[in-house]
Amino acid sequence: TNKLKSEIDDLLARKDYLSIAILCSEIKTKDFERECGIGFAKAEEEIGKIIEESALLPFTKIHVESAKRKKIENLFEKNAHMQIKYSGIWKERIN
């Protein structure tokens, strides 16, 4: 858990909330509940902003930088809640 704590702290310092959410979706411990809560909330905020942008341009697919798009799609694979909430509209509107 020290290695995991160090990794989560590093991701928090870099504000890489998508990676935190992915990591927290994989771990089964409650040791990092606060950090995971931050990661999930900020990741949802990030995804929500992209989807909001797509709603403003309903007939246009929004381009999301490749690495970020892969992280978000990876998060959908690992987190059922996020997948159910966002993946349908994501596939429809995001390029």
PDB file of N, CA and C in Angstrom:
ATOM      1  N   THR A   1       0.813  -1.216   0.000  1.00  0.00           N
ATOM      2  CA  THR A   1       0.000   0.000   0.000  1.00  0.00           C
ATOM      3  C   THR A   1       0.851   1.273   0.000  1.00  0.00           C
ATOM      4  N   ASN A   2       2.096   1.223   0.444  1.00  0.00           N
ATOM      5  CA  ASN A   2       2.948   2.415   0.380  1.00  0.00           C
ATOM      6  C   ASN A   2       3.212   2.822  -1.065  1.00  0.00           C
ATOM      7  N   LYS A   3       3.431   1.815  -1.918  1.00  0.00           N
ATOM      8  CA  LYS A   3       3.659   2.080  -3.339  1.00  0.00           C
ATOM      9  C   LYS A   3       2.402   2.699  -3.960  1.00  0.00           C
ATOM     10  N   LEU A   4       1.261   2.144  -3.605  1.00  0.00           N
ATOM     11  CA  LEU A   4      -0.009   2.638  -4.113  1.00  0.00           C
ATOM     12  C   LEU A   4      -0.270   4.061  -3.625  1.00  0.00           C
ATOM     13  N   LYS A   5       0.008   4.318  -2.360  1.00  0.00           N
ATOM     14  CA  LYS A   5      -0.170   5.668  -1.810  1.00  0.00           C
ATOM     15  C   LYS A   5       0.717   6.656  -2.547  1.00  0.00           C
ATOM     16  N   SER A   6       1.954   6.258  -2.784  1.00  0.00           N
ATOM     17  CA  SER A   6       2.890   7.115  -3.494  1.00  0.00           C
ATOM     18  C   SER A   6       2.392   7.411  -4.913  1.00  0.00           C
ATOM     19  N   GLU A   7       1.869   6.391  -5.578  1.00  0.00           N
ATOM     20  CA  GLU A   7       1.351   6.561  -6.934  1.00  0.00           C
ATOM     21  C   GLU A   7       0.146   7.502  -6.946  1.00  0.00           C
ATOM     22  N   ILE A   8      -0.768   7.305  -6.014  1.00  0.00           N
ATOM     23  CA  ILE A   8      -1.958   8.164  -5.929  1.00  0.00           C
ATOM     24  C   ILE A   8      -1.555   9.602  -5.597  1.00  0.00           C
ATOM     25  N   ASP A   9      -0.623   9.770  -4.660  1.00  0.00           N
ATOM     26  CA  ASP A   9      -0.155  11.116  -4.307  1.00  0.00           C
ATOM     27  C   ASP A   9       0.478  11.813  -5.507  1.00  0.00           C
ATOM     28  N   ASP A  10       1.244  11.053  -6.287  1.00  0.00           N
ATOM     29  CA  ASP A  10       1.881  11.595  -7.486  1.00  0.00           C
ATOM     30  C   ASP A  10       0.823  12.036  -8.507  1.00  0.00           C
ATOM     31  N   LEU A  11      -0.181  11.191  -8.707  1.00  0.00           N
ATOM     32  CA  LEU A  11      -1.253  11.521  -9.649  1.00  0.00           C
ATOM     33  C   LEU A  11      -2.043  12.742  -9.186  1.00  0.00           C
ATOM     34  N   LEU A  12      -2.276  12.844  -7.872  1.00  0.00           N
ATOM     35  CA  LEU A  12      -2.965  14.022  -7.323  1.00  0.00           C
ATOM     36  C   LEU A  12      -2.142  15.280  -7.561  1.00  0.00           C
ATOM     37  N   ALA A  13      -0.828  15.181  -7.341  1.00  0.00           N
ATOM     38  CA  ALA A  13       0.055  16.329  -7.542  1.00  0.00           C
ATOM     39  C   ALA A  13       0.038  16.781  -8.999  1.00  0.00           C
ATOM     40  N   ARG A  14      -0.091  15.824  -9.910  1.00  0.00           N
ATOM     41  CA  ARG A  14      -0.131  16.141 -11.345  1.00  0.00           C
ATOM     42  C   ARG A  14      -1.546  16.469 -11.826  1.00  0.00           C
ATOM     43  N   LYS A  15      -2.504  16.383 -10.921  1.00  0.00           N
ATOM     44  CA  LYS A  15      -3.925  16.617 -11.243  1.00  0.00           C
ATOM     45  C   LYS A  15      -4.406  15.686 -12.365  1.00  0.00           C
ATOM     46  N   ASP A  16      -3.915  14.452 -12.329  1.00  0.00           N
ATOM     47  CA  ASP A  16      -4.302  13.444 -13.322  1.00  0.00           C
ATOM     48  C   ASP A  16      -5.468  12.637 -12.749  1.00  0.00           C
ATOM     49  N   TYR A  17      -6.620  13.294 -12.710  1.00  0.00           N
ATOM     50  CA  TYR A  17      -7.789  12.710 -12.054  1.00  0.00           C
ATOM     51  C   TYR A  17      -8.349  11.496 -12.788  1.00  0.00           C
ATOM     52  N   LEU A  18      -8.213  11.472 -14.106  1.00  0.00           N
ATOM     53  CA  LEU A  18      -8.688  10.304 -14.854  1.00  0.00           C
ATOM     54  C   LEU A  18      -7.894   9.061 -14.450  1.00  0.00           C
ATOM     55  N   SER A  19      -6.585   9.209 -14.319  1.00  0.00           N
ATOM     56  CA  SER A  19      -5.752   8.065 -13.907  1.00  0.00           C
ATOM     57  C   SER A  19      -6.074   7.626 -12.484  1.00  0.00           C
ATOM     58  N   ILE A  20      -6.359   8.586 -11.615  1.00  0.00           N
ATOM     59  CA  ILE A  20      -6.744   8.240 -10.238  1.00  0.00           C
ATOM     60  C   ILE A  20      -8.046   7.436 -10.259  1.00  0.00           C
ATOM     61  N   ALA A  21      -9.011   7.894 -11.043  1.00  0.00           N
ATOM     62  CA  ALA A  21     -10.299   7.198 -11.121  1.00  0.00           C
ATOM     63  C   ALA A  21     -10.121   5.784 -11.675  1.00  0.00           C
ATOM     64  N   ILE A  22      -9.257   5.626 -12.673  1.00  0.00           N
ATOM     65  CA  ILE A  22      -8.988   4.297 -13.225  1.00  0.00           C
ATOM     66  C   ILE A  22      -8.370   3.410 -12.159  1.00  0.00           C
ATOM     67  N   LEU A  23      -7.344   3.919 -11.488  1.00  0.00           N
ATOM     68  CA  LEU A  23      -6.661   3.156 -10.443  1.00  0.00           C
ATOM     69  C   LEU A  23      -7.622   2.783  -9.318  1.00  0.00           C
ATOM     70  N   CYS A  24      -8.432   3.727  -8.907  1.00  0.00           N
ATOM     71  CA  CYS A  24      -9.375   3.474  -7.821  1.00  0.00           C
ATOM     72  C   CYS A  24     -10.467   2.490  -8.231  1.00  0.00           C
ATOM     73  N   SER A  25     -10.766   2.416  -9.519  1.00  0.00           N
ATOM     74  CA  SER A  25     -11.741   1.436 -10.001  1.00  0.00           C
ATOM     75  C   SER A  25     -11.184   0.025  -9.926  1.00  0.00           C
ATOM     76  N   GLU A  26      -9.854  -0.090  -9.902  1.00  0.00           N
ATOM     77  CA  GLU A  26      -9.197  -1.397  -9.867  1.00  0.00           C
ATOM     78  C   GLU A  26      -8.944  -1.893  -8.447  1.00  0.00           C
ATOM     79  N   ILE A  27      -8.730  -0.968  -7.504  1.00  0.00           N
ATOM     80  CA  ILE A  27      -8.397  -1.394  -6.140  1.00  0.00           C
ATOM     81  C   ILE A  27      -9.667  -1.662  -5.339  1.00  0.00           C
ATOM     82  N   LYS A  28      -9.572  -2.587  -4.433  1.00  0.00           N
ATOM     83  CA  LYS A  28     -10.762  -2.987  -3.659  1.00  0.00           C
ATOM     84  C   LYS A  28     -10.681  -2.553  -2.189  1.00  0.00           C
ATOM     85  N   THR A  29      -9.708  -1.722  -1.875  1.00  0.00           N
ATOM     86  CA  THR A  29      -9.533  -1.303  -0.491  1.00  0.00           C
ATOM     87  C   THR A  29     -10.163   0.072  -0.254  1.00  0.00           C
ATOM     88  N   LYS A  30     -10.533   0.334   0.962  1.00  0.00           N
ATOM     89  CA  LYS A  30     -11.114   1.626   1.334  1.00  0.00           C
ATOM     90  C   LYS A  30     -10.045   2.581   1.863  1.00  0.00           C
ATOM     91  N   ASP A  31      -8.772   2.170   1.790  1.00  0.00           N
ATOM     92  CA  ASP A  31      -7.678   2.965   2.350  1.00  0.00           C
ATOM     93  C   ASP A  31      -7.544   4.354   1.729  1.00  0.00           C
ATOM     94  N   PHE A  32      -7.994   4.481   0.493  1.00  0.00           N
ATOM     95  CA  PHE A  32      -7.808   5.739  -0.220  1.00  0.00           C
ATOM     96  C   PHE A  32      -9.136   6.375  -0.590  1.00  0.00           C
ATOM     97  N   GLU A  33     -10.090   6.240   0.290  1.00  0.00           N
ATOM     98  CA  GLU A  33     -11.451   6.705   0.023  1.00  0.00           C
ATOM     99  C   GLU A  33     -11.501   8.194  -0.321  1.00  0.00           C
ATOM    100  N   ARG A  34     -10.777   9.008   0.435  1.00  0.00           N
ATOM    101  CA  ARG A  34     -10.765  10.463   0.187  1.00  0.00           C
ATOM    102  C   ARG A  34     -10.153  10.770  -1.182  1.00  0.00           C
ATOM    103  N   GLU A  35      -8.985  10.194  -1.441  1.00  0.00           N
ATOM    104  CA  GLU A  35      -8.288  10.445  -2.696  1.00  0.00           C
ATOM    105  C   GLU A  35      -9.104   9.940  -3.892  1.00  0.00           C
ATOM    106  N   CYS A  36      -9.697   8.760  -3.732  1.00  0.00           N
ATOM    107  CA  CYS A  36     -10.516   8.204  -4.806  1.00  0.00           C
ATOM    108  C   CYS A  36     -11.758   9.055  -5.037  1.00  0.00           C
ATOM    109  N   GLY A  37     -12.344   9.556  -3.965  1.00  0.00           N
ATOM    110  CA  GLY A  37     -13.501  10.442  -4.093  1.00  0.00           C
ATOM    111  C   GLY A  37     -13.167  11.676  -4.905  1.00  0.00           C
ATOM    112  N   ILE A  38     -12.000  12.255  -4.632  1.00  0.00           N
ATOM    113  CA  ILE A  38     -11.545  13.422  -5.396  1.00  0.00           C
ATOM    114  C   ILE A  38     -11.346  13.031  -6.859  1.00  0.00           C
ATOM    115  N   GLY A  39     -10.667  11.912  -7.082  1.00  0.00           N
ATOM    116  CA  GLY A  39     -10.394  11.456  -8.445  1.00  0.00           C
ATOM    117  C   GLY A  39     -11.672  11.219  -9.239  1.00  0.00           C
ATOM    118  N   PHE A  40     -12.636  10.530  -8.620  1.00  0.00           N
ATOM    119  CA  PHE A  40     -13.898  10.252  -9.308  1.00  0.00           C
ATOM    120  C   PHE A  40     -14.667  11.545  -9.608  1.00  0.00           C
ATOM    121  N   ALA A  41     -14.731  12.431  -8.624  1.00  0.00           N
ATOM    122  CA  ALA A  41     -15.484  13.682  -8.814  1.00  0.00           C
ATOM    123  C   ALA A  41     -14.867  14.525  -9.925  1.00  0.00           C
ATOM    124  N   LYS A  42     -13.553  14.671  -9.904  1.00  0.00           N
ATOM    125  CA  LYS A  42     -12.877  15.489 -10.920  1.00  0.00           C
ATOM    126  C   LYS A  42     -12.923  14.823 -12.296  1.00  0.00           C
ATOM    127  N   ALA A  43     -12.842  13.499 -12.344  1.00  0.00           N
ATOM    128  CA  ALA A  43     -12.931  12.790 -13.627  1.00  0.00           C
ATOM    129  C   ALA A  43     -14.328  12.984 -14.216  1.00  0.00           C
ATOM    130  N   GLU A  44     -15.347  12.861 -13.385  1.00  0.00           N
ATOM    131  CA  GLU A  44     -16.723  13.079 -13.863  1.00  0.00           C
ATOM    132  C   GLU A  44     -16.912  14.514 -14.344  1.00  0.00           C
ATOM    133  N   GLU A  45     -16.290  15.445 -13.641  1.00  0.00           N
ATOM    134  CA  GLU A  45     -16.365  16.850 -14.031  1.00  0.00           C
ATOM    135  C   GLU A  45     -15.740  17.039 -15.425  1.00  0.00           C
ATOM    136  N   GLU A  46     -14.574  16.421 -15.629  1.00  0.00           N
ATOM    137  CA  GLU A  46     -13.884  16.510 -16.912  1.00  0.00           C
ATOM    138  C   GLU A  46     -14.723  15.912 -18.046  1.00  0.00           C
ATOM    139  N   ILE A  47     -15.266  14.732 -17.803  1.00  0.00           N
ATOM    140  CA  ILE A  47     -16.103  14.068 -18.801  1.00  0.00           C
ATOM    141  C   ILE A  47     -17.358  14.904 -19.059  1.00  0.00           C
ATOM    142  N   GLY A  48     -17.951  15.422 -17.997  1.00  0.00           N
ATOM    143  CA  GLY A  48     -19.151  16.257 -18.122  1.00  0.00           C
ATOM    144  C   GLY A  48     -18.915  17.498 -18.969  1.00  0.00           C
ATOM    145  N   LYS A  49     -17.754  18.135 -18.811  1.00  0.00           N
ATOM    146  CA  LYS A  49     -17.438  19.326 -19.606  1.00  0.00           C
ATOM    147  C   LYS A  49     -17.347  18.983 -21.087  1.00  0.00           C
ATOM    148  N   ILE A  50     -16.742  17.851 -21.405  1.00  0.00           N
ATOM    149  CA  ILE A  50     -16.616  17.432 -22.802  1.00  0.00           C
ATOM    150  C   ILE A  50     -17.998  17.152 -23.381  1.00  0.00           C
ATOM    151  N   ILE A  51     -18.832  16.469 -22.613  1.00  0.00           N
ATOM    152  CA  ILE A  51     -20.177  16.140 -23.091  1.00  0.00           C
ATOM    153  C   ILE A  51     -21.028  17.410 -23.225  1.00  0.00           C
ATOM    154  N   GLU A  52     -20.868  18.346 -22.300  1.00  0.00           N
ATOM    155  CA  GLU A  52     -21.584  19.632 -22.403  1.00  0.00           C
ATOM    156  C   GLU A  52     -21.199  20.352 -23.683  1.00  0.00           C
ATOM    157  N   GLU A  53     -19.904  20.347 -23.981  1.00  0.00           N
ATOM    158  CA  GLU A  53     -19.418  20.985 -25.205  1.00  0.00           C
ATOM    159  C   GLU A  53     -20.075  20.338 -26.427  1.00  0.00           C
ATOM    160  N   SER A  54     -20.208  19.025 -26.385  1.00  0.00           N
ATOM    161  CA  SER A  54     -20.817  18.322 -27.515  1.00  0.00           C
ATOM    162  C   SER A  54     -22.302  18.667 -27.646  1.00  0.00           C
ATOM    163  N   ALA A  55     -22.950  18.975 -26.538  1.00  0.00           N
ATOM    164  CA  ALA A  55     -24.368  19.331 -26.580  1.00  0.00           C
ATOM    165  C   ALA A  55     -24.574  20.694 -27.243  1.00  0.00           C
ATOM    166  N   LEU A  56     -23.565  21.555 -27.147  1.00  0.00           N
ATOM    167  CA  LEU A  56     -23.651  22.874 -27.773  1.00  0.00           C
ATOM    168  C   LEU A  56     -23.527  22.778 -29.291  1.00  0.00           C
ATOM    169  N   LEU A  57     -22.911  21.700 -29.763  1.00  0.00           N
ATOM    170  CA  LEU A  57     -22.727  21.468 -31.198  1.00  0.00           C
ATOM    171  C   LEU A  57     -23.316  20.101 -31.543  1.00  0.00           C
ATOM    172  N   PRO A  58     -24.632  19.977 -31.513  1.00  0.00           N
ATOM    173  CA  PRO A  58     -25.274  18.661 -31.577  1.00  0.00           C
ATOM    174  C   PRO A  58     -25.026  17.844 -32.849  1.00  0.00           C
ATOM    175  N   PHE A  59     -24.661  18.498 -33.952  1.00  0.00           N
ATOM    176  CA  PHE A  59     -24.465  17.742 -35.189  1.00  0.00           C
ATOM    177  C   PHE A  59     -22.987  17.557 -35.522  1.00  0.00           C
ATOM    178  N   THR A  60     -22.136  17.845 -34.554  1.00  0.00           N
ATOM    179  CA  THR A  60     -20.699  17.743 -34.754  1.00  0.00           C
ATOM    180  C   THR A  60     -20.116  16.801 -33.721  1.00  0.00           C
ATOM    181  N   LYS A  61     -19.236  15.918 -34.167  1.00  0.00           N
ATOM    182  CA  LYS A  61     -18.519  15.079 -33.209  1.00  0.00           C
ATOM    183  C   LYS A  61     -17.382  15.909 -32.633  1.00  0.00           C
ATOM    184  N   ILE A  62     -17.221  15.864 -31.338  1.00  0.00           N
ATOM    185  CA  ILE A  62     -16.174  16.616 -30.656  1.00  0.00           C
ATOM    186  C   ILE A  62     -14.884  15.803 -30.684  1.00  0.00           C
ATOM    187  N   HIS A  63     -13.785  16.458 -31.018  1.00  0.00           N
ATOM    188  CA  HIS A  63     -12.487  15.773 -31.009  1.00  0.00           C
ATOM    189  C   HIS A  63     -11.868  15.912 -29.620  1.00  0.00           C
ATOM    190  N   VAL A  64     -11.451  14.790 -29.064  1.00  0.00           N
ATOM    191  CA  VAL A  64     -10.769  14.775 -27.781  1.00  0.00           C
ATOM    192  C   VAL A  64      -9.380  14.193 -28.032  1.00  0.00           C
ATOM    193  N   GLU A  65      -8.379  14.837 -27.481  1.00  0.00           N
ATOM    194  CA  GLU A  65      -6.991  14.402 -27.652  1.00  0.00           C
ATOM    195  C   GLU A  65      -6.884  12.903 -27.362  1.00  0.00           C
ATOM    196  N   SER A  66      -6.132  12.210 -28.192  1.00  0.00           N
ATOM    197  CA  SER A  66      -6.076  10.750 -28.196  1.00  0.00           C
ATOM    198  C   SER A  66      -5.782  10.124 -26.829  1.00  0.00           C
ATOM    199  N   ALA A  67      -4.761  10.604 -26.135  1.00  0.00           N
ATOM    200  CA  ALA A  67      -4.381  10.018 -24.837  1.00  0.00           C
ATOM    201  C   ALA A  67      -5.506  10.187 -23.816  1.00  0.00           C
ATOM    202  N   LYS A  68      -6.130  11.362 -23.819  1.00  0.00           N
ATOM    203  CA  LYS A  68      -7.233  11.625 -22.883  1.00  0.00           C
ATOM    204  C   LYS A  68      -8.427  10.740 -23.223  1.00  0.00           C
ATOM    205  N   ARG A  69      -8.736  10.629 -24.521  1.00  0.00           N
ATOM    206  CA  ARG A  69      -9.857   9.788 -24.947  1.00  0.00           C
ATOM    207  C   ARG A  69      -9.635   8.340 -24.515  1.00  0.00           C
ATOM    208  N   LYS A  70      -8.409   7.840 -24.683  1.00  0.00           N
ATOM    209  CA  LYS A  70      -8.099   6.458 -24.285  1.00  0.00           C
ATOM    210  C   LYS A  70      -8.268   6.265 -22.783  1.00  0.00           C
ATOM    211  N   LYS A  71      -7.833   7.249 -21.987  1.00  0.00           N
ATOM    212  CA  LYS A  71      -7.993   7.156 -20.529  1.00  0.00           C
ATOM    213  C   LYS A  71      -9.472   7.098 -20.155  1.00  0.00           C
ATOM    214  N   ILE A  72     -10.265   7.951 -20.781  1.00  0.00           N
ATOM    215  CA  ILE A  72     -11.700   7.994 -20.470  1.00  0.00           C
ATOM    216  C   ILE A  72     -12.365   6.675 -20.866  1.00  0.00           C
ATOM    217  N   GLU A  73     -12.025   6.165 -22.035  1.00  0.00           N
ATOM    218  CA  GLU A  73     -12.609   4.897 -22.469  1.00  0.00           C
ATOM    219  C   GLU A  73     -12.149   3.743 -21.584  1.00  0.00           C
ATOM    220  N   ASN A  74     -10.911   3.793 -21.104  1.00  0.00           N
ATOM    221  CA  ASN A  74     -10.394   2.808 -20.155  1.00  0.00           C
ATOM    222  C   ASN A  74     -11.170   2.882 -18.840  1.00  0.00           C
ATOM    223  N   LEU A  75     -11.453   4.100 -18.407  1.00  0.00           N
ATOM    224  CA  LEU A  75     -12.237   4.292 -17.184  1.00  0.00           C
ATOM    225  C   LEU A  75     -13.629   3.681 -17.347  1.00  0.00           C
ATOM    226  N   PHE A  76     -14.253   3.874 -18.505  1.00  0.00           N
ATOM    227  CA  PHE A  76     -15.568   3.280 -18.751  1.00  0.00           C
ATOM    228  C   PHE A  76     -15.503   1.759 -18.651  1.00  0.00           C
ATOM    229  N   GLU A  77     -14.411   1.155 -19.134  1.00  0.00           N
ATOM    230  CA  GLU A  77     -14.259  -0.305 -19.075  1.00  0.00           C
ATOM    231  C   GLU A  77     -14.132  -0.806 -17.637  1.00  0.00           C
ATOM    232  N   LYS A  78     -13.496  -0.016 -16.781  1.00  0.00           N
ATOM    233  CA  LYS A  78     -13.201  -0.459 -15.418  1.00  0.00           C
ATOM    234  C   LYS A  78     -14.241  -0.026 -14.392  1.00  0.00           C
ATOM    235  N   ASN A  79     -15.103   0.925 -14.753  1.00  0.00           N
ATOM    236  CA  ASN A  79     -16.043   1.481 -13.783  1.00  0.00           C
ATOM    237  C   ASN A  79     -17.464   1.437 -14.346  1.00  0.00           C
ATOM    238  N   ALA A  80     -18.252   0.514 -13.855  1.00  0.00           N
ATOM    239  CA  ALA A  80     -19.612   0.304 -14.367  1.00  0.00           C
ATOM    240  C   ALA A  80     -20.475   1.560 -14.237  1.00  0.00           C
ATOM    241  N   HIS A  81     -20.355   2.265 -13.122  1.00  0.00           N
ATOM    242  CA  HIS A  81     -21.157   3.478 -12.914  1.00  0.00           C
ATOM    243  C   HIS A  81     -20.886   4.506 -14.014  1.00  0.00           C
ATOM    244  N   MET A  82     -19.610   4.767 -14.272  1.00  0.00           N
ATOM    245  CA  MET A  82     -19.243   5.753 -15.301  1.00  0.00           C
ATOM    246  C   MET A  82     -19.672   5.257 -16.686  1.00  0.00           C
ATOM    247  N   GLN A  83     -19.524   3.971 -16.920  1.00  0.00           N
ATOM    248  CA  GLN A  83     -19.889   3.411 -18.209  1.00  0.00           C
ATOM    249  C   GLN A  83     -21.387   3.599 -18.472  1.00  0.00           C
ATOM    250  N   ILE A  84     -22.187   3.247 -17.490  1.00  0.00           N
ATOM    251  CA  ILE A  84     -23.639   3.370 -17.631  1.00  0.00           C
ATOM    252  C   ILE A  84     -24.034   4.837 -17.828  1.00  0.00           C
ATOM    253  N   LYS A  85     -23.420   5.701 -17.063  1.00  0.00           N
ATOM    254  CA  LYS A  85     -23.794   7.119 -17.084  1.00  0.00           C
ATOM    255  C   LYS A  85     -23.353   7.837 -18.362  1.00  0.00           C
ATOM    256  N   TYR A  86     -22.157   7.498 -18.885  1.00  0.00           N
ATOM    257  CA  TYR A  86     -21.600   8.315 -19.948  1.00  0.00           C
ATOM    258  C   TYR A  86     -21.286   7.622 -21.274  1.00  0.00           C
ATOM    259  N   SER A  87     -21.052   6.324 -21.304  1.00  0.00           N
ATOM    260  CA  SER A  87     -20.481   5.732 -22.520  1.00  0.00           C
ATOM    261  C   SER A  87     -21.382   5.818 -23.749  1.00  0.00           C
ATOM    262  N   GLY A  88     -22.690   5.727 -23.584  1.00  0.00           N
ATOM    263  CA  GLY A  88     -23.588   5.827 -24.732  1.00  0.00           C
ATOM    264  C   GLY A  88     -23.470   7.162 -25.443  1.00  0.00           C
ATOM    265  N   ILE A  89     -23.573   8.221 -24.688  1.00  0.00           N
ATOM    266  CA  ILE A  89     -23.478   9.559 -25.278  1.00  0.00           C
ATOM    267  C   ILE A  89     -22.051   9.824 -25.762  1.00  0.00           C
ATOM    268  N   TRP A  90     -21.067   9.253 -25.064  1.00  0.00           N
ATOM    269  CA  TRP A  90     -19.670   9.416 -25.457  1.00  0.00           C
ATOM    270  C   TRP A  90     -19.446   8.830 -26.855  1.00  0.00           C
ATOM    271  N   LYS A  91     -19.902   7.614 -27.059  1.00  0.00           N
ATOM    272  CA  LYS A  91     -19.722   6.947 -28.361  1.00  0.00           C
ATOM    273  C   LYS A  91     -20.431   7.707 -29.474  1.00  0.00           C
ATOM    274  N   GLU A  92     -21.559   8.288 -29.135  1.00  0.00           N
ATOM    275  CA  GLU A  92     -22.379   8.995 -30.112  1.00  0.00           C
ATOM    276  C   GLU A  92     -21.785  10.347 -30.518  1.00  0.00           C
ATOM    277  N   ARG A  93     -21.196  11.053 -29.563  1.00  0.00           N
ATOM    278  CA  ARG A  93     -20.822  12.452 -29.802  1.00  0.00           C
ATOM    279  C   ARG A  93     -19.329  12.770 -29.846  1.00  0.00           C
ATOM    280  N   ILE A  94     -18.500  11.836 -29.373  1.00  0.00           N
ATOM    281  CA  ILE A  94     -17.078  12.156 -29.248  1.00  0.00           C
ATOM    282  C   ILE A  94     -16.272  11.416 -30.300  1.00  0.00           C
ATOM    283  N   ASN A  95     -15.336  12.142 -30.890  1.00  0.00           N
ATOM    284  CA  ASN A  95     -14.479  11.575 -31.930  1.00  0.00           C
ATOM    285  C   ASN A  95     -13.103  11.275 -31.341  1.00  0.00           C
TER     286      ASN A  95
END
